[in-house]
Amino acid sequence: MKKTSLADIAKSLGVSKTLVSLVLNGRGDRHGISPHTQEKVLQKAKELNYTPNPIARGLRTGKSNTIGLIVTDISNIFVAKMARAIEDKVQEHGYNLIICSSDEDKERELALIQRLRGWQVDGLIIMSAQDNKKAFDGIKNASPLVLIDRHISKLDSNYVGVDNYESSFQAVEHLINLGYKRIGLFTITPTHISPIADRERGYKEALREHNIRVFQKYTQSIPFNDIPNAVAKSLKELLELPKPIDALFVVNNSIALACLNYIKQNHIEVPKQLALLSFDDIEAFRFSTPTITAVAQPIRTIGEEAVKLLFKQINTKSGESFKPEKIVLPGELIIRDSSQP
């Protein structure tokens, strides 16, 4: 079925398309169009089920009342909750949200940015896979921009995230204080992204601070696109070493869930045989057997603060200077059964 256009409304009323456009955009009074004519246009638009094209309107006005959000993987629980918090806050401003997943692909992310800009979005919130600020040098000057969860070294832009280094340091120190000495780490590719790098740095620094040697063989990098198989292989290897790990710190909830699956299938006693601690707390950790100790991120706060920063930039008047802000929030260590002495 053909969508009703401004031209259809104009033809049915015998008026110009410009007149119809002015009325439907609320500028009829300003241009001297009589209330009677305006009422006829609005009534005809309703009869013909006319719905405005936001992209076309954006091209005309330079404003689409739409925000673009690019995340890594919308199916991830952490990411989905973040997207929902952002959507709720964006809608409070009367805006819509377009959500895209990059799948940790740098080229795909850049293509999505260009597509969203082509759709005249008024601003971008990005959970980026990039490792080089050059990718954003042109973008940050062309569109209001906020990076979430991940910062990019030397890039002067809005950013909201958690203190990954300090939160990880405290998490590993918690394990050390309980008497665990052979603490493994499961990180994830791509390892260059700032949260993963900072979590690994916090892990290593906590060990060094307590005079525990950092063994490279205790650190395993899990591929983003093959978590279940890689976790099973790596965990098996670490538990079969002459001196097997007695605790494991993992950098996100997806890896932790894969670990739980392997632990259950192989009847490993947690925390007696292996303590487990995850970065990213999810609801399942409260109900699993045993319950899982985790670092909780203030997901809703991160999303809300990101939207506040974005609209602060959007609402900066032409000619006024705008200074990007960086907001770093603390994580919270929630201690449960998987790391009890």
C-alpha atoms as a PDB file:
ATOM      1  CA  MET A   1       0.000   0.000   0.000  1.00  0.00           C
ATOM      2  CA  LYS A   2       1.351   3.410  -1.019  1.00  0.00           C
ATOM      3  CA  LYS A   3       2.183   5.696   1.880  1.00  0.00           C
ATOM      4  CA  THR A   4       0.315   8.995   1.959  1.00  0.00           C
ATOM      5  CA  SER A   5       2.540  11.945   1.048  1.00  0.00           C
ATOM      6  CA  LEU A   6       2.252  15.704   1.462  1.00  0.00           C
ATOM      7  CA  ALA A   7       1.501  15.872  -2.252  1.00  0.00           C
ATOM      8  CA  ASP A   8      -1.498  13.529  -1.801  1.00  0.00           C
ATOM      9  CA  ILE A   9      -2.969  15.772   0.896  1.00  0.00           C
ATOM     10  CA  ALA A  10      -2.326  18.902  -1.169  1.00  0.00           C
ATOM     11  CA  LYS A  11      -3.927  17.409  -4.300  1.00  0.00           C
ATOM     12  CA  SER A  12      -7.048  16.260  -2.442  1.00  0.00           C
ATOM     13  CA  LEU A  13      -7.571  19.770  -1.031  1.00  0.00           C
ATOM     14  CA  GLY A  14      -6.467  21.747  -4.097  1.00  0.00           C
ATOM     15  CA  VAL A  15      -3.754  23.574  -2.186  1.00  0.00           C
ATOM     16  CA  SER A  16       0.040  23.696  -2.459  1.00  0.00           C
ATOM     17  CA  LYS A  17       2.371  21.135  -0.886  1.00  0.00           C
ATOM     18  CA  THR A  18       4.188  24.019   0.836  1.00  0.00           C
ATOM     19  CA  LEU A  19       0.972  25.086   2.583  1.00  0.00           C
ATOM     20  CA  VAL A  20       0.350  21.523   3.790  1.00  0.00           C
ATOM     21  CA  SER A  21       3.920  21.273   5.058  1.00  0.00           C
ATOM     22  CA  LEU A  22       3.669  24.551   6.969  1.00  0.00           C
ATOM     23  CA  VAL A  23       0.428  23.475   8.658  1.00  0.00           C
ATOM     24  CA  LEU A  24       1.659  20.001   9.616  1.00  0.00           C
ATOM     25  CA  ASN A  25       4.863  21.453  11.024  1.00  0.00           C
ATOM     26  CA  GLY A  26       2.928  23.878  13.239  1.00  0.00           C
ATOM     27  CA  ARG A  27       3.906  27.009  11.313  1.00  0.00           C
ATOM     28  CA  GLY A  28       0.515  27.878   9.849  1.00  0.00           C
ATOM     29  CA  ASP A  29      -0.182  30.875  12.110  1.00  0.00           C
ATOM     30  CA  ARG A  30       3.273  32.306  11.508  1.00  0.00           C
ATOM     31  CA  HIS A  31       2.634  32.293   7.745  1.00  0.00           C
ATOM     32  CA  GLY A  32      -0.875  33.735   7.877  1.00  0.00           C
ATOM     33  CA  ILE A  33      -2.788  30.548   7.023  1.00  0.00           C
ATOM     34  CA  SER A  34      -6.368  30.802   8.285  1.00  0.00           C
ATOM     35  CA  PRO A  35      -7.524  28.561  11.154  1.00  0.00           C
ATOM     36  CA  HIS A  36     -10.247  27.138   8.855  1.00  0.00           C
ATOM     37  CA  THR A  37      -7.679  26.063   6.232  1.00  0.00           C
ATOM     38  CA  GLN A  38      -5.382  24.636   8.877  1.00  0.00           C
ATOM     39  CA  GLU A  39      -8.243  22.577  10.287  1.00  0.00           C
ATOM     40  CA  LYS A  40      -9.070  21.217   6.812  1.00  0.00           C
ATOM     41  CA  VAL A  41      -5.438  20.174   6.286  1.00  0.00           C
ATOM     42  CA  LEU A  42      -5.190  18.460   9.680  1.00  0.00           C
ATOM     43  CA  GLN A  43      -8.499  16.661   9.139  1.00  0.00           C
ATOM     44  CA  LYS A  44      -7.494  15.459   5.669  1.00  0.00           C
ATOM     45  CA  ALA A  45      -4.126  14.230   6.995  1.00  0.00           C
ATOM     46  CA  LYS A  46      -5.991  12.224   9.617  1.00  0.00           C
ATOM     47  CA  GLU A  47      -8.432  10.806   7.048  1.00  0.00           C
ATOM     48  CA  LEU A  48      -5.572   9.678   4.792  1.00  0.00           C
ATOM     49  CA  ASN A  49      -3.584   8.212   7.726  1.00  0.00           C
ATOM     50  CA  TYR A  50      -0.647  10.472   7.005  1.00  0.00           C
ATOM     51  CA  THR A  51       2.484   9.830   9.083  1.00  0.00           C
ATOM     52  CA  PRO A  52       5.489  12.142   8.753  1.00  0.00           C
ATOM     53  CA  ASN A  53       8.802  10.793   7.478  1.00  0.00           C
ATOM     54  CA  PRO A  54      11.351  11.621  10.225  1.00  0.00           C
ATOM     55  CA  ILE A  55      14.323  11.195   7.889  1.00  0.00           C
ATOM     56  CA  ALA A  56      12.867  13.553   5.307  1.00  0.00           C
ATOM     57  CA  ARG A  57      11.973  16.027   8.038  1.00  0.00           C
ATOM     58  CA  GLY A  58      15.501  15.769   9.385  1.00  0.00           C
ATOM     59  CA  LEU A  59      16.921  16.553   5.954  1.00  0.00           C
ATOM     60  CA  ARG A  60      14.711  19.654   5.742  1.00  0.00           C
ATOM     61  CA  THR A  61      15.189  20.943   9.279  1.00  0.00           C
ATOM     62  CA  GLY A  62      18.547  19.467  10.285  1.00  0.00           C
ATOM     63  CA  LYS A  63      16.843  17.971  13.330  1.00  0.00           C
ATOM     64  CA  SER A  64      15.305  14.494  13.497  1.00  0.00           C
ATOM     65  CA  ASN A  65      14.581  14.118  17.240  1.00  0.00           C
ATOM     66  CA  THR A  66      16.405  10.791  16.998  1.00  0.00           C
ATOM     67  CA  ILE A  67      19.511   9.525  18.783  1.00  0.00           C
ATOM     68  CA  GLY A  68      21.742   6.736  17.463  1.00  0.00           C
ATOM     69  CA  LEU A  69      23.089   4.105  19.878  1.00  0.00           C
ATOM     70  CA  ILE A  70      25.805   1.688  18.747  1.00  0.00           C
ATOM     71  CA  VAL A  71      26.593  -1.195  21.106  1.00  0.00           C
ATOM     72  CA  THR A  72      28.707  -4.320  20.748  1.00  0.00           C
ATOM     73  CA  ASP A  73      26.002  -6.967  21.097  1.00  0.00           C
ATOM     74  CA  ILE A  74      22.429  -6.149  22.097  1.00  0.00           C
ATOM     75  CA  SER A  75      21.833  -9.786  23.140  1.00  0.00           C
ATOM     76  CA  ASN A  76      24.318  -9.419  26.022  1.00  0.00           C
ATOM     77  CA  ILE A  77      22.458  -8.834  29.291  1.00  0.00           C
ATOM     78  CA  PHE A  78      24.693  -5.949  30.389  1.00  0.00           C
ATOM     79  CA  VAL A  79      24.359  -4.238  27.007  1.00  0.00           C
ATOM     80  CA  ALA A  80      20.586  -4.774  26.836  1.00  0.00           C
ATOM     81  CA  LYS A  81      20.081  -3.194  30.257  1.00  0.00           C
ATOM     82  CA  MET A  82      22.271  -0.270  29.286  1.00  0.00           C
ATOM     83  CA  ALA A  83      20.314   0.250  26.061  1.00  0.00           C
ATOM     84  CA  ARG A  84      17.027   0.214  27.967  1.00  0.00           C
ATOM     85  CA  ALA A  85      18.258   2.821  30.451  1.00  0.00           C
ATOM     86  CA  ILE A  86      19.367   5.049  27.563  1.00  0.00           C
ATOM     87  CA  GLU A  87      16.078   4.557  25.707  1.00  0.00           C
ATOM     88  CA  ASP A  88      14.041   5.509  28.778  1.00  0.00           C
ATOM     89  CA  LYS A  89      16.060   8.687  29.313  1.00  0.00           C
ATOM     90  CA  VAL A  90      16.025   9.655  25.624  1.00  0.00           C
ATOM     91  CA  GLN A  91      12.233   9.334  25.527  1.00  0.00           C
ATOM     92  CA  GLU A  92      11.954  11.735  28.462  1.00  0.00           C
ATOM     93  CA  HIS A  93      13.376  14.337  26.077  1.00  0.00           C
ATOM     94  CA  GLY A  94      10.775  13.469  23.425  1.00  0.00           C
ATOM     95  CA  TYR A  95      13.345  11.695  21.244  1.00  0.00           C
ATOM     96  CA  ASN A  96      13.461   8.261  19.636  1.00  0.00           C
ATOM     97  CA  LEU A  97      16.382   5.829  19.756  1.00  0.00           C
ATOM     98  CA  ILE A  98      17.881   3.728  16.955  1.00  0.00           C
ATOM     99  CA  ILE A  99      19.972   0.814  18.307  1.00  0.00           C
ATOM    100  CA  CYS A 100      22.643  -1.010  16.267  1.00  0.00           C
ATOM    101  CA  SER A 101      25.110  -3.794  17.139  1.00  0.00           C
ATOM    102  CA  SER A 102      28.712  -3.712  15.861  1.00  0.00           C
ATOM    103  CA  ASP A 103      29.661  -7.261  16.957  1.00  0.00           C
ATOM    104  CA  GLU A 104      33.071  -5.874  18.036  1.00  0.00           C
ATOM    105  CA  ASP A 105      33.841  -5.180  14.363  1.00  0.00           C
ATOM    106  CA  LYS A 106      35.639  -1.843  13.915  1.00  0.00           C
ATOM    107  CA  GLU A 107      34.757  -1.451  10.227  1.00  0.00           C
ATOM    108  CA  ARG A 108      31.118  -2.360  10.838  1.00  0.00           C
ATOM    109  CA  GLU A 109      30.988   0.222  13.620  1.00  0.00           C
ATOM    110  CA  LEU A 110      32.291   2.982  11.339  1.00  0.00           C
ATOM    111  CA  ALA A 111      29.782   1.984   8.645  1.00  0.00           C
ATOM    112  CA  LEU A 112      26.960   2.147  11.206  1.00  0.00           C
ATOM    113  CA  ILE A 113      28.098   5.608  12.300  1.00  0.00           C
ATOM    114  CA  GLN A 114      27.959   6.852   8.711  1.00  0.00           C
ATOM    115  CA  ARG A 115      24.538   5.278   8.190  1.00  0.00           C
ATOM    116  CA  LEU A 116      23.125   6.899  11.326  1.00  0.00           C
ATOM    117  CA  ARG A 117      24.557  10.257  10.356  1.00  0.00           C
ATOM    118  CA  GLY A 118      22.970   9.804   6.928  1.00  0.00           C
ATOM    119  CA  TRP A 119      19.660   9.370   8.733  1.00  0.00           C
ATOM    120  CA  GLN A 120      20.232  12.766  10.387  1.00  0.00           C
ATOM    121  CA  VAL A 121      20.411  11.540  13.994  1.00  0.00           C
ATOM    122  CA  ASP A 122      20.911  14.435  16.389  1.00  0.00           C
ATOM    123  CA  GLY A 123      23.591  12.691  18.424  1.00  0.00           C
ATOM    124  CA  LEU A 124      25.490   9.439  18.922  1.00  0.00           C
ATOM    125  CA  ILE A 125      26.109   7.259  21.972  1.00  0.00           C
ATOM    126  CA  ILE A 126      28.699   4.587  21.220  1.00  0.00           C
ATOM    127  CA  MET A 127      30.130   1.534  22.978  1.00  0.00           C
ATOM    128  CA  SER A 128      33.134   1.486  20.696  1.00  0.00           C
ATOM    129  CA  ALA A 129      35.361  -1.318  19.422  1.00  0.00           C
ATOM    130  CA  GLN A 130      37.965   1.159  18.131  1.00  0.00           C
ATOM    131  CA  ASP A 131      41.541   1.286  19.409  1.00  0.00           C
ATOM    132  CA  ASN A 132      42.638   4.451  17.614  1.00  0.00           C
ATOM    133  CA  LYS A 133      41.343   7.955  18.213  1.00  0.00           C
ATOM    134  CA  LYS A 134      41.786   8.810  14.517  1.00  0.00           C
ATOM    135  CA  ALA A 135      38.578   6.906  13.781  1.00  0.00           C
ATOM    136  CA  PHE A 136      36.666   9.565  15.773  1.00  0.00           C
ATOM    137  CA  ASP A 137      38.621  12.707  14.933  1.00  0.00           C
ATOM    138  CA  GLY A 138      36.137  13.760  12.238  1.00  0.00           C
ATOM    139  CA  ILE A 139      33.039  12.274  13.842  1.00  0.00           C
ATOM    140  CA  LYS A 140      33.285  14.055  17.198  1.00  0.00           C
ATOM    141  CA  ASN A 141      33.409  17.421  15.453  1.00  0.00           C
ATOM    142  CA  ALA A 142      30.439  16.637  13.208  1.00  0.00           C
ATOM    143  CA  SER A 143      27.963  15.130  15.696  1.00  0.00           C
ATOM    144  CA  PRO A 144      27.324  15.373  19.439  1.00  0.00           C
ATOM    145  CA  LEU A 145      28.995  12.251  20.821  1.00  0.00           C
ATOM    146  CA  VAL A 146      29.237  10.288  24.073  1.00  0.00           C
ATOM    147  CA  LEU A 147      31.317   7.151  24.528  1.00  0.00           C
ATOM    148  CA  ILE A 148      30.008   4.678  27.086  1.00  0.00           C
ATOM    149  CA  ASP A 149      31.708   1.785  28.899  1.00  0.00           C
ATOM    150  CA  ARG A 150      34.888   2.186  26.819  1.00  0.00           C
ATOM    151  CA  HIS A 151      37.175   5.172  26.501  1.00  0.00           C
ATOM    152  CA  ILE A 152      39.699   5.725  23.717  1.00  0.00           C
ATOM    153  CA  SER A 153      43.176   6.933  24.660  1.00  0.00           C
ATOM    154  CA  LYS A 154      43.834  10.628  23.944  1.00  0.00           C
ATOM    155  CA  LEU A 155      40.357  11.182  22.465  1.00  0.00           C
ATOM    156  CA  ASP A 156      38.836  14.361  23.893  1.00  0.00           C
ATOM    157  CA  SER A 157      35.152  13.431  23.980  1.00  0.00           C
ATOM    158  CA  ASN A 158      32.310  12.843  26.421  1.00  0.00           C
ATOM    159  CA  TYR A 159      32.671   9.536  28.254  1.00  0.00           C
ATOM    160  CA  VAL A 160      30.754   7.674  30.966  1.00  0.00           C
ATOM    161  CA  GLY A 161      31.891   4.384  32.464  1.00  0.00           C
ATOM    162  CA  VAL A 162      32.947   2.502  35.566  1.00  0.00           C
ATOM    163  CA  ASP A 163      36.370   2.438  37.243  1.00  0.00           C
ATOM    164  CA  ASN A 164      37.385  -0.931  35.811  1.00  0.00           C
ATOM    165  CA  TYR A 165      40.920  -0.906  37.197  1.00  0.00           C
ATOM    166  CA  GLU A 166      40.023  -0.133  40.801  1.00  0.00           C
ATOM    167  CA  SER A 167      36.993  -2.447  40.820  1.00  0.00           C
ATOM    168  CA  SER A 168      39.085  -5.338  39.500  1.00  0.00           C
ATOM    169  CA  PHE A 169      41.897  -4.629  41.945  1.00  0.00           C
ATOM    170  CA  GLN A 170      39.441  -4.818  44.850  1.00  0.00           C
ATOM    171  CA  ALA A 171      37.843  -7.991  43.484  1.00  0.00           C
ATOM    172  CA  VAL A 172      41.150  -9.848  43.183  1.00  0.00           C
ATOM    173  CA  GLU A 173      42.312  -8.499  46.528  1.00  0.00           C
ATOM    174  CA  HIS A 174      39.151  -9.985  48.046  1.00  0.00           C
ATOM    175  CA  LEU A 175      40.237 -13.415  46.770  1.00  0.00           C
ATOM    176  CA  ILE A 176      43.788 -12.918  48.056  1.00  0.00           C
ATOM    177  CA  ASN A 177      42.543 -11.913  51.508  1.00  0.00           C
ATOM    178  CA  LEU A 178      40.591 -15.181  51.654  1.00  0.00           C
ATOM    179  CA  GLY A 179      43.821 -17.107  51.164  1.00  0.00           C
ATOM    180  CA  TYR A 180      43.704 -17.871  47.435  1.00  0.00           C
ATOM    181  CA  LYS A 181      47.145 -17.741  45.809  1.00  0.00           C
ATOM    182  CA  ARG A 182      46.830 -19.338  42.371  1.00  0.00           C
ATOM    183  CA  ILE A 183      44.299 -16.979  40.830  1.00  0.00           C
ATOM    184  CA  GLY A 184      43.547 -17.343  37.141  1.00  0.00           C
ATOM    185  CA  LEU A 185      42.186 -14.708  34.767  1.00  0.00           C
ATOM    186  CA  PHE A 186      39.851 -15.167  31.810  1.00  0.00           C
ATOM    187  CA  THR A 187      39.973 -12.070  29.634  1.00  0.00           C
ATOM    188  CA  ILE A 188      38.256 -11.693  26.250  1.00  0.00           C
ATOM    189  CA  THR A 189      39.062 -10.524  22.737  1.00  0.00           C
ATOM    190  CA  PRO A 190      39.442  -7.855  21.575  1.00  0.00           C
ATOM    191  CA  THR A 191      41.807  -7.232  24.506  1.00  0.00           C
ATOM    192  CA  HIS A 192      42.628  -3.659  23.388  1.00  0.00           C
ATOM    193  CA  ILE A 193      39.283  -2.221  24.512  1.00  0.00           C
ATOM    194  CA  SER A 194      39.756  -0.139  27.636  1.00  0.00           C
ATOM    195  CA  PRO A 195      37.530  -2.018  30.154  1.00  0.00           C
ATOM    196  CA  ILE A 196      39.199  -5.349  29.392  1.00  0.00           C
ATOM    197  CA  ALA A 197      42.704  -3.882  29.491  1.00  0.00           C
ATOM    198  CA  ASP A 198      41.928  -2.058  32.758  1.00  0.00           C
ATOM    199  CA  ARG A 199      40.444  -5.178  34.362  1.00  0.00           C
ATOM    200  CA  GLU A 200      43.530  -7.204  33.462  1.00  0.00           C
ATOM    201  CA  ARG A 201      45.743  -4.417  34.816  1.00  0.00           C
ATOM    202  CA  GLY A 202      43.782  -4.400  38.094  1.00  0.00           C
ATOM    203  CA  TYR A 203      44.151  -8.187  38.374  1.00  0.00           C
ATOM    204  CA  LYS A 204      47.918  -8.081  37.866  1.00  0.00           C
ATOM    205  CA  GLU A 205      48.490  -5.113  40.145  1.00  0.00           C
ATOM    206  CA  ALA A 206      46.549  -6.737  43.008  1.00  0.00           C
ATOM    207  CA  LEU A 207      48.761  -9.827  42.750  1.00  0.00           C
ATOM    208  CA  ARG A 208      51.943  -7.739  42.689  1.00  0.00           C
ATOM    209  CA  GLU A 209      50.759  -5.618  45.613  1.00  0.00           C
ATOM    210  CA  HIS A 210      50.500  -8.805  47.693  1.00  0.00           C
ATOM    211  CA  ASN A 211      53.792 -10.245  46.443  1.00  0.00           C
ATOM    212  CA  ILE A 212      52.126 -12.980  44.389  1.00  0.00           C
ATOM    213  CA  ARG A 213      53.872 -13.864  41.173  1.00  0.00           C
ATOM    214  CA  VAL A 214      51.890 -13.205  37.975  1.00  0.00           C
ATOM    215  CA  PHE A 215      51.994 -16.426  35.937  1.00  0.00           C
ATOM    216  CA  GLN A 216      51.207 -15.874  32.270  1.00  0.00           C
ATOM    217  CA  LYS A 217      49.921 -19.456  31.980  1.00  0.00           C
ATOM    218  CA  TYR A 218      47.134 -18.546  34.440  1.00  0.00           C
ATOM    219  CA  THR A 219      45.834 -15.890  32.018  1.00  0.00           C
ATOM    220  CA  GLN A 220      43.628 -17.064  29.148  1.00  0.00           C
ATOM    221  CA  SER A 221      42.165 -14.903  26.375  1.00  0.00           C
ATOM    222  CA  ILE A 222      38.685 -16.079  25.358  1.00  0.00           C
ATOM    223  CA  PRO A 223      37.563 -15.302  21.778  1.00  0.00           C
ATOM    224  CA  PHE A 224      34.467 -13.094  21.658  1.00  0.00           C
ATOM    225  CA  ASN A 225      32.790 -15.346  19.078  1.00  0.00           C
ATOM    226  CA  ASP A 226      33.519 -18.749  20.675  1.00  0.00           C
ATOM    227  CA  ILE A 227      33.074 -18.344  24.419  1.00  0.00           C
ATOM    228  CA  PRO A 228      31.577 -21.754  25.454  1.00  0.00           C
ATOM    229  CA  ASN A 229      34.180 -23.915  23.673  1.00  0.00           C
ATOM    230  CA  ALA A 230      37.147 -21.716  24.582  1.00  0.00           C
ATOM    231  CA  VAL A 231      36.109 -21.555  28.245  1.00  0.00           C
ATOM    232  CA  ALA A 232      35.744 -25.342  28.462  1.00  0.00           C
ATOM    233  CA  LYS A 233      39.183 -25.895  26.894  1.00  0.00           C
ATOM    234  CA  SER A 234      40.963 -23.257  28.993  1.00  0.00           C
ATOM    235  CA  LEU A 235      39.333 -24.188  32.289  1.00  0.00           C
ATOM    236  CA  LYS A 236      40.174 -27.850  31.760  1.00  0.00           C
ATOM    237  CA  GLU A 237      43.832 -26.952  31.125  1.00  0.00           C
ATOM    238  CA  LEU A 238      44.116 -24.708  34.177  1.00  0.00           C
ATOM    239  CA  LEU A 239      42.546 -27.283  36.501  1.00  0.00           C
ATOM    240  CA  GLU A 240      44.858 -30.050  35.225  1.00  0.00           C
ATOM    241  CA  LEU A 241      48.111 -28.153  35.798  1.00  0.00           C
ATOM    242  CA  PRO A 242      50.566 -29.620  38.357  1.00  0.00           C
ATOM    243  CA  LYS A 243      49.668 -26.579  40.434  1.00  0.00           C
ATOM    244  CA  PRO A 244      46.065 -25.889  39.347  1.00  0.00           C
ATOM    245  CA  ILE A 245      44.378 -22.564  39.913  1.00  0.00           C
ATOM    246  CA  ASP A 246      42.359 -22.324  43.127  1.00  0.00           C
ATOM    247  CA  ALA A 247      40.396 -19.213  42.088  1.00  0.00           C
ATOM    248  CA  LEU A 248      39.303 -17.586  38.846  1.00  0.00           C
ATOM    249  CA  PHE A 249      38.531 -13.960  38.024  1.00  0.00           C
ATOM    250  CA  VAL A 250      36.607 -13.480  34.748  1.00  0.00           C
ATOM    251  CA  VAL A 251      36.095 -10.170  32.980  1.00  0.00           C
ATOM    252  CA  ASN A 252      32.410 -10.422  32.037  1.00  0.00           C
ATOM    253  CA  ASN A 253      29.160 -12.260  32.677  1.00  0.00           C
ATOM    254  CA  SER A 254      29.170 -14.211  29.393  1.00  0.00           C
ATOM    255  CA  ILE A 255      32.430 -15.921  30.351  1.00  0.00           C
ATOM    256  CA  ALA A 256      31.168 -16.503  33.894  1.00  0.00           C
ATOM    257  CA  LEU A 257      28.040 -18.260  32.600  1.00  0.00           C
ATOM    258  CA  ALA A 258      30.173 -20.498  30.379  1.00  0.00           C
ATOM    259  CA  CYS A 259      32.342 -21.301  33.413  1.00  0.00           C
ATOM    260  CA  LEU A 260      29.250 -22.225  35.430  1.00  0.00           C
ATOM    261  CA  ASN A 261      28.150 -24.575  32.676  1.00  0.00           C
ATOM    262  CA  TYR A 262      31.534 -26.337  32.619  1.00  0.00           C
ATOM    263  CA  ILE A 263      31.653 -26.475  36.422  1.00  0.00           C
ATOM    264  CA  LYS A 264      28.214 -28.091  36.573  1.00  0.00           C
ATOM    265  CA  GLN A 265      28.965 -30.635  33.829  1.00  0.00           C
ATOM    266  CA  ASN A 266      32.224 -31.677  35.491  1.00  0.00           C
ATOM    267  CA  HIS A 267      30.991 -31.672  39.097  1.00  0.00           C
ATOM    268  CA  ILE A 268      33.552 -29.138  40.287  1.00  0.00           C
ATOM    269  CA  GLU A 269      32.905 -27.946  43.835  1.00  0.00           C
ATOM    270  CA  VAL A 270      32.748 -24.158  44.167  1.00  0.00           C
ATOM    271  CA  PRO A 271      34.376 -22.626  46.150  1.00  0.00           C
ATOM    272  CA  LYS A 272      36.056 -25.731  47.681  1.00  0.00           C
ATOM    273  CA  GLN A 273      37.914 -26.685  44.498  1.00  0.00           C
ATOM    274  CA  LEU A 274      37.634 -23.370  42.689  1.00  0.00           C
ATOM    275  CA  ALA A 275      36.506 -19.914  43.757  1.00  0.00           C
ATOM    276  CA  LEU A 276      34.794 -17.880  41.023  1.00  0.00           C
ATOM    277  CA  LEU A 277      34.418 -14.111  40.747  1.00  0.00           C
ATOM    278  CA  SER A 278      32.924 -12.252  37.786  1.00  0.00           C
ATOM    279  CA  PHE A 279      33.045  -8.673  36.586  1.00  0.00           C
ATOM    280  CA  ASP A 280      29.436  -7.705  35.698  1.00  0.00           C
ATOM    281  CA  ASP A 281      26.682  -8.784  38.031  1.00  0.00           C
ATOM    282  CA  ILE A 282      23.534 -10.295  36.531  1.00  0.00           C
ATOM    283  CA  GLU A 283      20.341 -11.601  38.075  1.00  0.00           C
ATOM    284  CA  ALA A 284      21.247 -15.235  37.369  1.00  0.00           C
ATOM    285  CA  PHE A 285      24.193 -14.979  39.766  1.00  0.00           C
ATOM    286  CA  ARG A 286      21.798 -14.504  42.689  1.00  0.00           C
ATOM    287  CA  PHE A 287      19.940 -17.725  41.920  1.00  0.00           C
ATOM    288  CA  SER A 288      22.688 -20.063  40.659  1.00  0.00           C
ATOM    289  CA  THR A 289      24.115 -22.828  42.850  1.00  0.00           C
ATOM    290  CA  PRO A 290      26.349 -21.607  44.306  1.00  0.00           C
ATOM    291  CA  THR A 291      25.534 -17.911  44.079  1.00  0.00           C
ATOM    292  CA  ILE A 292      28.294 -15.959  42.314  1.00  0.00           C
ATOM    293  CA  THR A 293      30.414 -13.146  43.707  1.00  0.00           C
ATOM    294  CA  ALA A 294      30.517 -10.310  41.188  1.00  0.00           C
ATOM    295  CA  VAL A 295      31.386  -6.680  40.552  1.00  0.00           C
ATOM    296  CA  ALA A 296      28.148  -4.805  39.867  1.00  0.00           C
ATOM    297  CA  GLN A 297      28.219  -1.837  37.523  1.00  0.00           C
ATOM    298  CA  PRO A 298      25.774   1.084  37.957  1.00  0.00           C
ATOM    299  CA  ILE A 299      24.223   0.345  34.550  1.00  0.00           C
ATOM    300  CA  ARG A 300      21.223   2.660  34.765  1.00  0.00           C
ATOM    301  CA  THR A 301      23.322   5.522  36.093  1.00  0.00           C
ATOM    302  CA  ILE A 302      25.852   5.112  33.261  1.00  0.00           C
ATOM    303  CA  GLY A 303      23.043   5.243  30.690  1.00  0.00           C
ATOM    304  CA  GLU A 304      21.308   8.216  32.271  1.00  0.00           C
ATOM    305  CA  GLU A 305      24.522  10.222  32.662  1.00  0.00           C
ATOM    306  CA  ALA A 306      25.425   9.505  29.039  1.00  0.00           C
ATOM    307  CA  VAL A 307      22.101  10.934  27.846  1.00  0.00           C
ATOM    308  CA  LYS A 308      22.521  14.001  30.083  1.00  0.00           C
ATOM    309  CA  LEU A 309      25.941  14.708  28.587  1.00  0.00           C
ATOM    310  CA  LEU A 310      24.669  14.190  25.050  1.00  0.00           C
ATOM    311  CA  PHE A 311      21.773  16.621  25.436  1.00  0.00           C
ATOM    312  CA  LYS A 312      24.036  19.111  27.137  1.00  0.00           C
ATOM    313  CA  GLN A 313      26.096  19.090  23.952  1.00  0.00           C
ATOM    314  CA  ILE A 314      23.058  19.064  21.654  1.00  0.00           C
ATOM    315  CA  ASN A 315      21.623  22.103  23.450  1.00  0.00           C
ATOM    316  CA  THR A 316      24.871  24.085  23.302  1.00  0.00           C
ATOM    317  CA  LYS A 317      24.104  27.092  21.128  1.00  0.00           C
ATOM    318  CA  SER A 318      26.064  27.813  17.975  1.00  0.00           C
ATOM    319  CA  GLY A 319      29.115  29.882  18.821  1.00  0.00           C
ATOM    320  CA  GLU A 320      29.261  28.687  22.427  1.00  0.00           C
ATOM    321  CA  SER A 321      32.210  26.540  23.454  1.00  0.00           C
ATOM    322  CA  PHE A 322      31.576  23.013  24.682  1.00  0.00           C
ATOM    323  CA  LYS A 323      34.039  21.166  26.901  1.00  0.00           C
ATOM    324  CA  PRO A 324      33.692  17.357  26.882  1.00  0.00           C
ATOM    325  CA  GLU A 325      33.232  15.688  30.267  1.00  0.00           C
ATOM    326  CA  LYS A 326      34.389  12.317  31.585  1.00  0.00           C
ATOM    327  CA  ILE A 327      32.390  10.583  34.304  1.00  0.00           C
ATOM    328  CA  VAL A 328      33.951   7.560  36.021  1.00  0.00           C
ATOM    329  CA  LEU A 329      31.711   5.715  38.487  1.00  0.00           C
ATOM    330  CA  PRO A 330      32.686   3.149  41.144  1.00  0.00           C
ATOM    331  CA  GLY A 331      31.764  -0.524  40.827  1.00  0.00           C
ATOM    332  CA  GLU A 332      30.379  -2.496  43.770  1.00  0.00           C
ATOM    333  CA  LEU A 333      31.777  -5.858  44.891  1.00  0.00           C
ATOM    334  CA  ILE A 334      28.878  -8.138  45.865  1.00  0.00           C
ATOM    335  CA  ILE A 335      30.167 -11.098  47.860  1.00  0.00           C
ATOM    336  CA  ARG A 336      28.268 -14.374  47.538  1.00  0.00           C
ATOM    337  CA  ASP A 337      28.906 -18.101  48.021  1.00  0.00           C
ATOM    338  CA  SER A 338      31.395 -18.643  45.180  1.00  0.00           C
ATOM    339  CA  SER A 339      34.176 -16.865  47.055  1.00  0.00           C
ATOM    340  CA  GLN A 340      33.485 -17.840  50.643  1.00  0.00           C
ATOM    341  CA  PRO A 341      36.424 -19.302  52.653  1.00  0.00           C
END
